[in-house]
Amino acid sequence: MDRYSCLAYLLFQVDDETAKDAAIRLVQGDLTLEEAKSDPTLFPHLEACEKQLKKQPPDSELVCAFMEAYIYAV
């Protein structure tokens, strides 16, 4: 899986509704990673997700399922 999809998946796993919403918007293309990183409420979550991605990437099947579920969600 690509880095962008993995970060969105990991961000969706955060126990924060704003982060979950941002993850879905990232997947749908309504929010860029740069915009998300400039948001002070999302930045700490994204930093933690990037660290987690470097340590242990998420299972690609889980990321694919997440992408399929939310890429066209309204």
Protein backbone atom coordinates (compact mmCIF):
# COMPACT_ATOMS: atom_id res chain seq x y z
CA MET A 1 0.00 0.00 0.00
CA ASP A 2 1.06 3.56 -0.55
CA ARG A 3 2.11 5.81 2.30
CA TYR A 4 -0.86 8.15 1.88
CA SER A 5 -3.44 5.34 2.23
CA CYS A 6 -1.62 3.85 5.21
CA LEU A 7 -1.50 7.21 6.99
CA ALA A 8 -5.22 7.75 6.37
CA TYR A 9 -5.95 4.26 7.74
CA LEU A 10 -3.83 4.85 10.83
CA LEU A 11 -5.39 8.27 11.37
CA PHE A 12 -8.82 6.66 11.21
CA GLN A 13 -7.78 4.35 14.08
CA VAL A 14 -7.23 7.34 16.40
CA ASP A 15 -9.88 7.70 19.10
CA ASP A 16 -10.90 11.19 17.98
CA GLU A 17 -13.83 12.08 15.72
CA THR A 18 -11.96 14.98 14.11
CA ALA A 19 -9.12 12.64 13.15
CA LYS A 20 -11.55 10.03 11.79
CA ASP A 21 -13.30 12.69 9.70
CA ALA A 22 -9.97 13.95 8.39
CA ALA A 23 -8.93 10.40 7.46
CA ILE A 24 -12.09 9.96 5.41
CA ARG A 25 -11.60 13.35 3.76
CA LEU A 26 -8.01 12.38 2.92
CA VAL A 27 -9.23 9.19 1.24
CA GLN A 28 -11.92 11.04 -0.68
CA GLY A 29 -9.51 13.74 -1.84
CA ASP A 30 -11.26 16.56 0.01
CA LEU A 31 -8.20 17.16 2.20
CA THR A 32 -4.52 17.02 1.30
CA LEU A 33 -1.86 15.71 3.62
CA GLU A 34 -0.23 19.15 3.64
CA GLU A 35 -3.52 20.76 4.72
CA ALA A 36 -3.97 18.14 7.43
CA LYS A 37 -0.44 18.70 8.72
CA SER A 38 -1.06 22.44 8.94
CA ASP A 39 -4.08 21.85 11.19
CA PRO A 40 -2.85 22.11 14.80
CA THR A 41 -5.47 19.63 16.04
CA LEU A 42 -4.46 16.97 13.48
CA PHE A 43 -0.71 17.49 13.45
CA PRO A 44 0.07 15.51 16.66
CA HIS A 45 -2.06 12.61 15.43
CA LEU A 46 -0.35 12.61 12.04
CA GLU A 47 3.09 12.67 13.67
CA ALA A 48 2.16 9.64 15.77
CA CYS A 49 0.77 7.86 12.69
CA GLU A 50 3.95 8.52 10.72
CA LYS A 51 6.05 7.10 13.57
CA GLN A 52 3.81 4.05 13.74
CA LEU A 53 4.03 3.61 9.96
CA LYS A 54 7.84 3.58 10.14
CA LYS A 55 7.87 1.06 12.99
CA GLN A 56 5.26 -1.33 11.65
CA PRO A 57 3.13 -0.69 8.57
CA PRO A 58 -0.50 -1.76 8.86
CA ASP A 59 -1.76 -4.91 7.21
CA SER A 60 -2.38 -4.14 3.53
CA GLU A 61 -5.69 -6.02 3.53
CA LEU A 62 -7.00 -3.80 6.33
CA VAL A 63 -5.88 -0.68 4.47
CA CYS A 64 -7.56 -1.91 1.26
CA ALA A 65 -10.80 -2.61 3.12
CA PHE A 66 -10.68 0.86 4.68
CA MET A 67 -10.07 2.47 1.29
CA GLU A 68 -12.91 0.52 -0.32
CA ALA A 69 -15.29 1.43 2.48
CA TYR A 70 -14.60 5.16 2.46
CA ILE A 71 -13.28 6.22 -0.94
CA TYR A 72 -16.78 6.83 -2.28
CA ALA A 73 -18.68 7.22 1.00
CA VAL A 74 -20.94 10.23 1.10
